[in-house]
Amino acid sequence: MMTAAELMGEGISLMVSGMGFVLLFLFILIFAIRLMSYLTNRFFPEPIKPLRNKATTIASTTANTTVVASSGVNDIEALRPIIVAAIAHHRRQHN
């Protein structure tokens, strides 16, 4: 029969070895994810977006709205009037 000290020692060694295996697995997982990211970007790069002029306009005739997008305007802010007009149009159609 094992004593309490031996049981405690076995428990601690089992805990440390289990934590070590989990840590090793996580390192392998991080390496695999980084490798997949690198390979994906290498073989399937994102298309390069063309630069817009400062006077580029995005014309939206939805509800007589024209949105002017410059390099300093956030895209979400530029789309806000279009979204509002689409919601208003939807409400008019279904009321």
PDB file of N, CA and C in Angstrom:
ATOM      1  N   MET A   1       0.845  -1.171   0.000  1.00  0.00           N
ATOM      2  CA  MET A   1       0.000   0.000   0.000  1.00  0.00           C
ATOM      3  C   MET A   1       0.891   1.235   0.000  1.00  0.00           C
ATOM      4  N   MET A   2       0.474   2.269  -0.758  1.00  0.00           N
ATOM      5  CA  MET A   2       1.275   3.490  -0.862  1.00  0.00           C
ATOM      6  C   MET A   2       0.900   4.441   0.261  1.00  0.00           C
ATOM      7  N   THR A   3       1.877   5.184   0.682  1.00  0.00           N
ATOM      8  CA  THR A   3       1.621   6.168   1.733  1.00  0.00           C
ATOM      9  C   THR A   3       1.036   7.430   1.110  1.00  0.00           C
ATOM     10  N   ALA A   4       0.583   8.322   1.960  1.00  0.00           N
ATOM     11  CA  ALA A   4      -0.010   9.574   1.491  1.00  0.00           C
ATOM     12  C   ALA A   4       1.015  10.418   0.740  1.00  0.00           C
ATOM     13  N   ALA A   5       2.272  10.405   1.190  1.00  0.00           N
ATOM     14  CA  ALA A   5       3.318  11.187   0.530  1.00  0.00           C
ATOM     15  C   ALA A   5       3.596  10.641  -0.866  1.00  0.00           C
ATOM     16  N   GLU A   6       3.614   9.315  -1.003  1.00  0.00           N
ATOM     17  CA  GLU A   6       3.851   8.722  -2.318  1.00  0.00           C
ATOM     18  C   GLU A   6       2.692   9.021  -3.268  1.00  0.00           C
ATOM     19  N   LEU A   7       1.463   8.927  -2.739  1.00  0.00           N
ATOM     20  CA  LEU A   7       0.301   9.250  -3.560  1.00  0.00           C
ATOM     21  C   LEU A   7       0.324  10.708  -4.021  1.00  0.00           C
ATOM     22  N   MET A   8       0.711  11.589  -3.103  1.00  0.00           N
ATOM     23  CA  MET A   8       0.796  13.012  -3.454  1.00  0.00           C
ATOM     24  C   MET A   8       1.872  13.230  -4.511  1.00  0.00           C
ATOM     25  N   GLY A   9       3.006  12.569  -4.384  1.00  0.00           N
ATOM     26  CA  GLY A   9       4.081  12.683  -5.370  1.00  0.00           C
ATOM     27  C   GLY A   9       3.653  12.173  -6.733  1.00  0.00           C
ATOM     28  N   GLU A  10       2.962  11.029  -6.765  1.00  0.00           N
ATOM     29  CA  GLU A  10       2.457  10.486  -8.026  1.00  0.00           C
ATOM     30  C   GLU A  10       1.424  11.429  -8.653  1.00  0.00           C
ATOM     31  N   GLY A  11       0.565  11.985  -7.819  1.00  0.00           N
ATOM     32  CA  GLY A  11      -0.442  12.921  -8.325  1.00  0.00           C
ATOM     33  C   GLY A  11       0.184  14.159  -8.934  1.00  0.00           C
ATOM     34  N   ILE A  12       1.193  14.687  -8.258  1.00  0.00           N
ATOM     35  CA  ILE A  12       1.868  15.887  -8.772  1.00  0.00           C
ATOM     36  C   ILE A  12       2.611  15.573 -10.063  1.00  0.00           C
ATOM     37  N   SER A  13       3.298  14.432 -10.115  1.00  0.00           N
ATOM     38  CA  SER A  13       4.018  14.084 -11.347  1.00  0.00           C
ATOM     39  C   SER A  13       3.044  13.853 -12.501  1.00  0.00           C
ATOM     40  N   LEU A  14       1.899  13.228 -12.222  1.00  0.00           N
ATOM     41  CA  LEU A  14       0.890  13.033 -13.258  1.00  0.00           C
ATOM     42  C   LEU A  14       0.323  14.374 -13.721  1.00  0.00           C
ATOM     43  N   MET A  15       0.089  15.291 -12.791  1.00  0.00           N
ATOM     44  CA  MET A  15      -0.431  16.612 -13.133  1.00  0.00           C
ATOM     45  C   MET A  15       0.570  17.382 -13.994  1.00  0.00           C
ATOM     46  N   VAL A  16       1.843  17.354 -13.615  1.00  0.00           N
ATOM     47  CA  VAL A  16       2.865  18.086 -14.363  1.00  0.00           C
ATOM     48  C   VAL A  16       3.033  17.490 -15.755  1.00  0.00           C
ATOM     49  N   SER A  17       3.039  16.160 -15.859  1.00  0.00           N
ATOM     50  CA  SER A  17       3.187  15.555 -17.188  1.00  0.00           C
ATOM     51  C   SER A  17       1.962  15.857 -18.055  1.00  0.00           C
ATOM     52  N   GLY A  18       0.772  15.852 -17.484  1.00  0.00           N
ATOM     53  CA  GLY A  18      -0.431  16.195 -18.245  1.00  0.00           C
ATOM     54  C   GLY A  18      -0.404  17.632 -18.712  1.00  0.00           C
ATOM     55  N   MET A  19      -0.002  18.543 -17.836  1.00  0.00           N
ATOM     56  CA  MET A  19       0.092  19.950 -18.227  1.00  0.00           C
ATOM     57  C   MET A  19       1.156  20.138 -19.302  1.00  0.00           C
ATOM     58  N   GLY A  20       2.237  19.377 -19.218  1.00  0.00           N
ATOM     59  CA  GLY A  20       3.287  19.453 -20.235  1.00  0.00           C
ATOM     60  C   GLY A  20       2.789  19.009 -21.597  1.00  0.00           C
ATOM     61  N   PHE A  21       2.023  17.907 -21.620  1.00  0.00           N
ATOM     62  CA  PHE A  21       1.472  17.443 -22.895  1.00  0.00           C
ATOM     63  C   PHE A  21       0.480  18.449 -23.476  1.00  0.00           C
ATOM     64  N   VAL A  22      -0.335  19.050 -22.635  1.00  0.00           N
ATOM     65  CA  VAL A  22      -1.279  20.063 -23.118  1.00  0.00           C
ATOM     66  C   VAL A  22      -0.523  21.267 -23.672  1.00  0.00           C
ATOM     67  N   LEU A  23       0.513  21.708 -22.980  1.00  0.00           N
ATOM     68  CA  LEU A  23       1.316  22.836 -23.451  1.00  0.00           C
ATOM     69  C   LEU A  23       1.981  22.501 -24.783  1.00  0.00           C
ATOM     70  N   LEU A  24       2.528  21.293 -24.899  1.00  0.00           N
ATOM     71  CA  LEU A  24       3.143  20.865 -26.151  1.00  0.00           C
ATOM     72  C   LEU A  24       2.113  20.846 -27.279  1.00  0.00           C
ATOM     73  N   PHE A  25       0.920  20.334 -27.001  1.00  0.00           N
ATOM     74  CA  PHE A  25      -0.140  20.310 -28.006  1.00  0.00           C
ATOM     75  C   PHE A  25      -0.511  21.727 -28.443  1.00  0.00           C
ATOM     76  N   LEU A  26      -0.609  22.652 -27.488  1.00  0.00           N
ATOM     77  CA  LEU A  26      -0.962  24.029 -27.842  1.00  0.00           C
ATOM     78  C   LEU A  26       0.119  24.686 -28.688  1.00  0.00           C
ATOM     79  N   PHE A  27       1.395  24.419 -28.386  1.00  0.00           N
ATOM     80  CA  PHE A  27       2.474  24.963 -29.212  1.00  0.00           C
ATOM     81  C   PHE A  27       2.404  24.400 -30.629  1.00  0.00           C
ATOM     82  N   ILE A  28       2.133  23.103 -30.749  1.00  0.00           N
ATOM     83  CA  ILE A  28       2.005  22.497 -32.078  1.00  0.00           C
ATOM     84  C   ILE A  28       0.813  23.098 -32.818  1.00  0.00           C
ATOM     85  N   LEU A  29      -0.279  23.325 -32.108  1.00  0.00           N
ATOM     86  CA  LEU A  29      -1.468  23.924 -32.714  1.00  0.00           C
ATOM     87  C   LEU A  29      -1.184  25.339 -33.211  1.00  0.00           C
ATOM     88  N   ILE A  30      -0.484  26.134 -32.412  1.00  0.00           N
ATOM     89  CA  ILE A  30      -0.134  27.503 -32.820  1.00  0.00           C
ATOM     90  C   ILE A  30       0.758  27.473 -34.056  1.00  0.00           C
ATOM     91  N   PHE A  31       1.748  26.569 -34.057  1.00  0.00           N
ATOM     92  CA  PHE A  31       2.636  26.441 -35.215  1.00  0.00           C
ATOM     93  C   PHE A  31       1.848  26.049 -36.458  1.00  0.00           C
ATOM     94  N   ALA A  32       0.925  25.098 -36.326  1.00  0.00           N
ATOM     95  CA  ALA A  32       0.138  24.643 -37.478  1.00  0.00           C
ATOM     96  C   ALA A  32      -0.749  25.765 -38.012  1.00  0.00           C
ATOM     97  N   ILE A  33      -1.354  26.541 -37.122  1.00  0.00           N
ATOM     98  CA  ILE A  33      -2.217  27.647 -37.561  1.00  0.00           C
ATOM     99  C   ILE A  33      -1.398  28.713 -38.279  1.00  0.00           C
ATOM    100  N   ARG A  34      -0.226  29.032 -37.746  1.00  0.00           N
ATOM    101  CA  ARG A  34       0.630  30.022 -38.416  1.00  0.00           C
ATOM    102  C   ARG A  34       1.097  29.517 -39.770  1.00  0.00           C
ATOM    103  N   LEU A  35       1.420  28.223 -39.857  1.00  0.00           N
ATOM    104  CA  LEU A  35       1.841  27.650 -41.130  1.00  0.00           C
ATOM    105  C   LEU A  35       0.703  27.695 -42.144  1.00  0.00           C
ATOM    106  N   MET A  36      -0.495  27.342 -41.726  1.00  0.00           N
ATOM    107  CA  MET A  36      -1.643  27.397 -42.633  1.00  0.00           C
ATOM    108  C   MET A  36      -1.915  28.829 -43.079  1.00  0.00           C
ATOM    109  N   SER A  37      -1.784  29.791 -42.175  1.00  0.00           N
ATOM    110  CA  SER A  37      -1.992  31.193 -42.532  1.00  0.00           C
ATOM    111  C   SER A  37      -0.957  31.644 -43.555  1.00  0.00           C
ATOM    112  N   TYR A  38       0.297  31.261 -43.327  1.00  0.00           N
ATOM    113  CA  TYR A  38       1.362  31.631 -44.256  1.00  0.00           C
ATOM    114  C   TYR A  38       1.111  31.019 -45.633  1.00  0.00           C
ATOM    115  N   LEU A  39       0.770  29.730 -45.661  1.00  0.00           N
ATOM    116  CA  LEU A  39       0.548  29.059 -46.940  1.00  0.00           C
ATOM    117  C   LEU A  39      -0.674  29.619 -47.665  1.00  0.00           C
ATOM    118  N   THR A  40      -1.717  29.934 -46.915  1.00  0.00           N
ATOM    119  CA  THR A  40      -2.910  30.514 -47.531  1.00  0.00           C
ATOM    120  C   THR A  40      -2.593  31.871 -48.148  1.00  0.00           C
ATOM    121  N   ASN A  41      -1.867  32.709 -47.425  1.00  0.00           N
ATOM    122  CA  ASN A  41      -1.508  34.029 -47.959  1.00  0.00           C
ATOM    123  C   ASN A  41      -0.518  33.918 -49.109  1.00  0.00           C
ATOM    124  N   ARG A  42       0.316  32.890 -49.089  1.00  0.00           N
ATOM    125  CA  ARG A  42       1.309  32.718 -50.144  1.00  0.00           C
ATOM    126  C   ARG A  42       0.659  32.268 -51.447  1.00  0.00           C
ATOM    127  N   PHE A  43      -0.243  31.285 -51.375  1.00  0.00           N
ATOM    128  CA  PHE A  43      -0.820  30.719 -52.585  1.00  0.00           C
ATOM    129  C   PHE A  43      -2.145  31.360 -52.990  1.00  0.00           C
ATOM    130  N   PHE A  44      -2.837  31.995 -52.061  1.00  0.00           N
ATOM    131  CA  PHE A  44      -4.102  32.656 -52.363  1.00  0.00           C
ATOM    132  C   PHE A  44      -4.089  34.069 -51.785  1.00  0.00           C
ATOM    133  N   PRO A  45      -3.252  34.960 -52.336  1.00  0.00           N
ATOM    134  CA  PRO A  45      -3.172  36.313 -51.767  1.00  0.00           C
ATOM    135  C   PRO A  45      -4.458  37.089 -52.012  1.00  0.00           C
ATOM    136  N   GLU A  46      -4.718  38.041 -51.125  1.00  0.00           N
ATOM    137  CA  GLU A  46      -5.882  38.903 -51.293  1.00  0.00           C
ATOM    138  C   GLU A  46      -5.612  39.863 -52.442  1.00  0.00           C
ATOM    139  N   PRO A  47      -6.623  40.136 -53.259  1.00  0.00           N
ATOM    140  CA  PRO A  47      -6.410  41.078 -54.360  1.00  0.00           C
ATOM    141  C   PRO A  47      -6.133  42.474 -53.816  1.00  0.00           C
ATOM    142  N   ILE A  48      -5.273  43.182 -54.512  1.00  0.00           N
ATOM    143  CA  ILE A  48      -4.914  44.536 -54.101  1.00  0.00           C
ATOM    144  C   ILE A  48      -6.011  45.479 -54.565  1.00  0.00           C
ATOM    145  N   LYS A  49      -6.538  46.252 -53.623  1.00  0.00           N
ATOM    146  CA  LYS A  49      -7.599  47.197 -53.957  1.00  0.00           C
ATOM    147  C   LYS A  49      -6.985  48.419 -54.628  1.00  0.00           C
ATOM    148  N   PRO A  50      -7.600  48.901 -55.703  1.00  0.00           N
ATOM    149  CA  PRO A  50      -7.078  50.118 -56.334  1.00  0.00           C
ATOM    150  C   PRO A  50      -7.318  51.322 -55.429  1.00  0.00           C
ATOM    151  N   LEU A  51      -6.381  52.255 -55.469  1.00  0.00           N
ATOM    152  CA  LEU A  51      -6.513  53.470 -54.673  1.00  0.00           C
ATOM    153  C   LEU A  51      -7.568  54.371 -55.294  1.00  0.00           C
ATOM    154  N   ARG A  52      -8.352  55.015 -54.431  1.00  0.00           N
ATOM    155  CA  ARG A  52      -9.393  55.927 -54.916  1.00  0.00           C
ATOM    156  C   ARG A  52      -8.869  57.355 -54.874  1.00  0.00           C
ATOM    157  N   ASN A  53      -9.324  58.143 -55.825  1.00  0.00           N
ATOM    158  CA  ASN A  53      -9.018  59.572 -55.784  1.00  0.00           C
ATOM    159  C   ASN A  53      -9.840  60.221 -54.685  1.00  0.00           C
ATOM    160  N   LYS A  54      -9.427  61.401 -54.257  1.00  0.00           N
ATOM    161  CA  LYS A  54     -10.172  62.093 -53.210  1.00  0.00           C
ATOM    162  C   LYS A  54     -11.556  62.514 -53.684  1.00  0.00           C
ATOM    163  N   ALA A  55     -11.729  62.656 -54.975  1.00  0.00           N
ATOM    164  CA  ALA A  55     -13.016  63.114 -55.498  1.00  0.00           C
ATOM    165  C   ALA A  55     -13.885  61.954 -55.987  1.00  0.00           C
ATOM    166  N   THR A  56     -13.489  60.720 -55.653  1.00  0.00           N
ATOM    167  CA  THR A  56     -14.275  59.567 -56.090  1.00  0.00           C
ATOM    168  C   THR A  56     -15.631  59.589 -55.420  1.00  0.00           C
ATOM    169  N   THR A  57     -16.651  59.361 -56.196  1.00  0.00           N
ATOM    170  CA  THR A  57     -18.002  59.355 -55.631  1.00  0.00           C
ATOM    171  C   THR A  57     -18.609  57.983 -55.784  1.00  0.00           C
ATOM    172  N   ILE A  58     -19.393  57.626 -54.804  1.00  0.00           N
ATOM    173  CA  ILE A  58     -20.189  56.415 -54.877  1.00  0.00           C
ATOM    174  C   ILE A  58     -21.618  56.890 -55.039  1.00  0.00           C
ATOM    175  N   ALA A  59     -22.151  56.705 -56.218  1.00  0.00           N
ATOM    176  CA  ALA A  59     -23.499  57.204 -56.477  1.00  0.00           C
ATOM    177  C   ALA A  59     -24.509  56.133 -56.113  1.00  0.00           C
ATOM    178  N   SER A  60     -25.435  56.522 -55.301  1.00  0.00           N
ATOM    179  CA  SER A  60     -26.525  55.635 -54.925  1.00  0.00           C
ATOM    180  C   SER A  60     -27.811  56.398 -55.133  1.00  0.00           C
ATOM    181  N   THR A  61     -28.616  55.913 -56.049  1.00  0.00           N
ATOM    182  CA  THR A  61     -29.862  56.606 -56.323  1.00  0.00           C
ATOM    183  C   THR A  61     -30.990  56.096 -55.448  1.00  0.00           C
ATOM    184  N   THR A  62     -30.683  55.259 -54.476  1.00  0.00           N
ATOM    185  CA  THR A  62     -31.708  54.755 -53.571  1.00  0.00           C
ATOM    186  C   THR A  62     -32.240  55.917 -52.758  1.00  0.00           C
ATOM    187  N   ALA A  63     -33.488  56.194 -52.899  1.00  0.00           N
ATOM    188  CA  ALA A  63     -34.183  57.274 -52.183  1.00  0.00           C
ATOM    189  C   ALA A  63     -33.506  58.620 -52.418  1.00  0.00           C
ATOM    190  N   ASN A  64     -33.041  58.854 -53.660  1.00  0.00           N
ATOM    191  CA  ASN A  64     -32.433  60.129 -54.057  1.00  0.00           C
ATOM    192  C   ASN A  64     -31.246  60.510 -53.174  1.00  0.00           C
ATOM    193  N   THR A  65     -30.405  59.551 -52.839  1.00  0.00           N
ATOM    194  CA  THR A  65     -29.258  59.801 -51.969  1.00  0.00           C
ATOM    195  C   THR A  65     -27.984  59.599 -52.771  1.00  0.00           C
ATOM    196  N   THR A  66     -27.069  60.541 -52.665  1.00  0.00           N
ATOM    197  CA  THR A  66     -25.753  60.387 -53.259  1.00  0.00           C
ATOM    198  C   THR A  66     -24.727  60.485 -52.144  1.00  0.00           C
ATOM    199  N   VAL A  67     -23.856  59.489 -52.086  1.00  0.00           N
ATOM    200  CA  VAL A  67     -22.847  59.444 -51.035  1.00  0.00           C
ATOM    201  C   VAL A  67     -21.504  59.740 -51.674  1.00  0.00           C
ATOM    202  N   VAL A  68     -20.785  60.686 -51.118  1.00  0.00           N
ATOM    203  CA  VAL A  68     -19.458  61.022 -51.600  1.00  0.00           C
ATOM    204  C   VAL A  68     -18.461  60.432 -50.629  1.00  0.00           C
ATOM    205  N   ALA A  69     -17.585  59.566 -51.154  1.00  0.00           N
ATOM    206  CA  ALA A  69     -16.590  58.918 -50.299  1.00  0.00           C
ATOM    207  C   ALA A  69     -15.227  59.496 -50.619  1.00  0.00           C
ATOM    208  N   SER A  70     -14.592  60.052 -49.644  1.00  0.00           N
ATOM    209  CA  SER A  70     -13.225  60.524 -49.818  1.00  0.00           C
ATOM    210  C   SER A  70     -12.322  59.632 -48.992  1.00  0.00           C
ATOM    211  N   SER A  71     -11.026  59.872 -49.085  1.00  0.00           N
ATOM    212  CA  SER A  71     -10.092  59.003 -48.380  1.00  0.00           C
ATOM    213  C   SER A  71     -10.212  59.147 -46.872  1.00  0.00           C
ATOM    214  N   GLY A  72     -10.817  60.210 -46.376  1.00  0.00           N
ATOM    215  CA  GLY A  72     -10.938  60.406 -44.940  1.00  0.00           C
ATOM    216  C   GLY A  72     -12.260  59.951 -44.365  1.00  0.00           C
ATOM    217  N   VAL A  73     -13.187  59.459 -45.202  1.00  0.00           N
ATOM    218  CA  VAL A  73     -14.511  59.072 -44.726  1.00  0.00           C
ATOM    219  C   VAL A  73     -14.518  57.576 -44.457  1.00  0.00           C
ATOM    220  N   ASN A  74     -15.045  57.211 -43.315  1.00  0.00           N
ATOM    221  CA  ASN A  74     -15.173  55.813 -42.954  1.00  0.00           C
ATOM    222  C   ASN A  74     -16.196  55.151 -43.873  1.00  0.00           C
ATOM    223  N   ASP A  75     -15.946  53.919 -44.290  1.00  0.00           N
ATOM    224  CA  ASP A  75     -16.854  53.232 -45.209  1.00  0.00           C
ATOM    225  C   ASP A  75     -18.223  53.018 -44.588  1.00  0.00           C
ATOM    226  N   ILE A  76     -18.273  52.709 -43.304  1.00  0.00           N
ATOM    227  CA  ILE A  76     -19.562  52.499 -42.640  1.00  0.00           C
ATOM    228  C   ILE A  76     -20.355  53.801 -42.631  1.00  0.00           C
ATOM    229  N   GLU A  77     -19.684  54.897 -42.347  1.00  0.00           N
ATOM    230  CA  GLU A  77     -20.365  56.192 -42.347  1.00  0.00           C
ATOM    231  C   GLU A  77     -20.847  56.549 -43.746  1.00  0.00           C
ATOM    232  N   ALA A  78     -20.114  56.152 -44.767  1.00  0.00           N
ATOM    233  CA  ALA A  78     -20.531  56.435 -46.136  1.00  0.00           C
ATOM    234  C   ALA A  78     -21.741  55.596 -46.527  1.00  0.00           C
ATOM    235  N   LEU A  79     -21.879  54.419 -45.947  1.00  0.00           N
ATOM    236  CA  LEU A  79     -23.002  53.543 -46.279  1.00  0.00           C
ATOM    237  C   LEU A  79     -24.237  53.799 -45.421  1.00  0.00           C
ATOM    238  N   ARG A  80     -24.102  54.576 -44.364  1.00  0.00           N
ATOM    239  CA  ARG A  80     -25.231  54.808 -43.454  1.00  0.00           C
ATOM    240  C   ARG A  80     -26.474  55.341 -44.171  1.00  0.00           C
ATOM    241  N   PRO A  81     -26.382  56.361 -45.046  1.00  0.00           N
ATOM    242  CA  PRO A  81     -27.598  56.834 -45.730  1.00  0.00           C
ATOM    243  C   PRO A  81     -28.217  55.769 -46.637  1.00  0.00           C
ATOM    244  N   ILE A  82     -27.388  54.944 -47.234  1.00  0.00           N
ATOM    245  CA  ILE A  82     -27.900  53.885 -48.099  1.00  0.00           C
ATOM    246  C   ILE A  82     -28.671  52.863 -47.279  1.00  0.00           C
ATOM    247  N   ILE A  83     -28.134  52.508 -46.119  1.00  0.00           N
ATOM    248  CA  ILE A  83     -28.805  51.543 -45.247  1.00  0.00           C
ATOM    249  C   ILE A  83     -30.126  52.109 -44.742  1.00  0.00           C
ATOM    250  N   VAL A  84     -30.107  53.375 -44.342  1.00  0.00           N
ATOM    251  CA  VAL A  84     -31.341  54.014 -43.861  1.00  0.00           C
ATOM    252  C   VAL A  84     -32.386  54.041 -44.969  1.00  0.00           C
ATOM    253  N   ALA A  85     -31.964  54.360 -46.193  1.00  0.00           N
ATOM    254  CA  ALA A  85     -32.908  54.394 -47.313  1.00  0.00           C
ATOM    255  C   ALA A  85     -33.451  52.999 -47.613  1.00  0.00           C
ATOM    256  N   ALA A  86     -32.615  51.979 -47.501  1.00  0.00           N
ATOM    257  CA  ALA A  86     -33.077  50.612 -47.753  1.00  0.00           C
ATOM    258  C   ALA A  86     -34.090  50.176 -46.707  1.00  0.00           C
ATOM    259  N   ILE A  87     -33.855  50.536 -45.449  1.00  0.00           N
ATOM    260  CA  ILE A  87     -34.811  50.199 -44.385  1.00  0.00           C
ATOM    261  C   ILE A  87     -36.128  50.925 -44.613  1.00  0.00           C
ATOM    262  N   ALA A  88     -36.054  52.208 -44.990  1.00  0.00           N
ATOM    263  CA  ALA A  88     -37.280  52.973 -45.249  1.00  0.00           C
ATOM    264  C   ALA A  88     -38.047  52.378 -46.429  1.00  0.00           C
ATOM    265  N   HIS A  89     -37.340  51.977 -47.460  1.00  0.00           N
ATOM    266  CA  HIS A  89     -37.988  51.361 -48.620  1.00  0.00           C
ATOM    267  C   HIS A  89     -38.670  50.052 -48.224  1.00  0.00           C
ATOM    268  N   HIS A  90     -37.989  49.249 -47.415  1.00  0.00           N
ATOM    269  CA  HIS A  90     -38.564  47.979 -46.954  1.00  0.00           C
ATOM    270  C   HIS A  90     -39.823  48.218 -46.125  1.00  0.00           C
ATOM    271  N   ARG A  91     -39.784  49.211 -45.267  1.00  0.00           N
ATOM    272  CA  ARG A  91     -40.956  49.511 -44.431  1.00  0.00           C
ATOM    273  C   ARG A  91     -42.123  50.016 -45.270  1.00  0.00           C
ATOM    274  N   ARG A  92     -41.829  50.810 -46.322  1.00  0.00           N
ATOM    275  CA  ARG A  92     -42.896  51.280 -47.201  1.00  0.00           C
ATOM    276  C   ARG A  92     -43.528  50.118 -47.961  1.00  0.00           C
ATOM    277  N   GLN A  93     -42.720  49.158 -48.357  1.00  0.00           N
ATOM    278  CA  GLN A  93     -43.229  48.014 -49.117  1.00  0.00           C
ATOM    279  C   GLN A  93     -44.103  47.100 -48.273  1.00  0.00           C
ATOM    280  N   HIS A  94     -43.799  46.972 -46.977  1.00  0.00           N
ATOM    281  CA  HIS A  94     -44.488  46.000 -46.128  1.00  0.00           C
ATOM    282  C   HIS A  94     -45.474  46.616 -45.152  1.00  0.00           C
ATOM    283  N   ASN A  95     -45.792  47.878 -45.279  1.00  0.00           N
ATOM    284  CA  ASN A  95     -46.791  48.514 -44.393  1.00  0.00           C
ATOM    285  C   ASN A  95     -48.042  48.853 -45.117  1.00  0.00           C
TER     286      ASN A  95
END
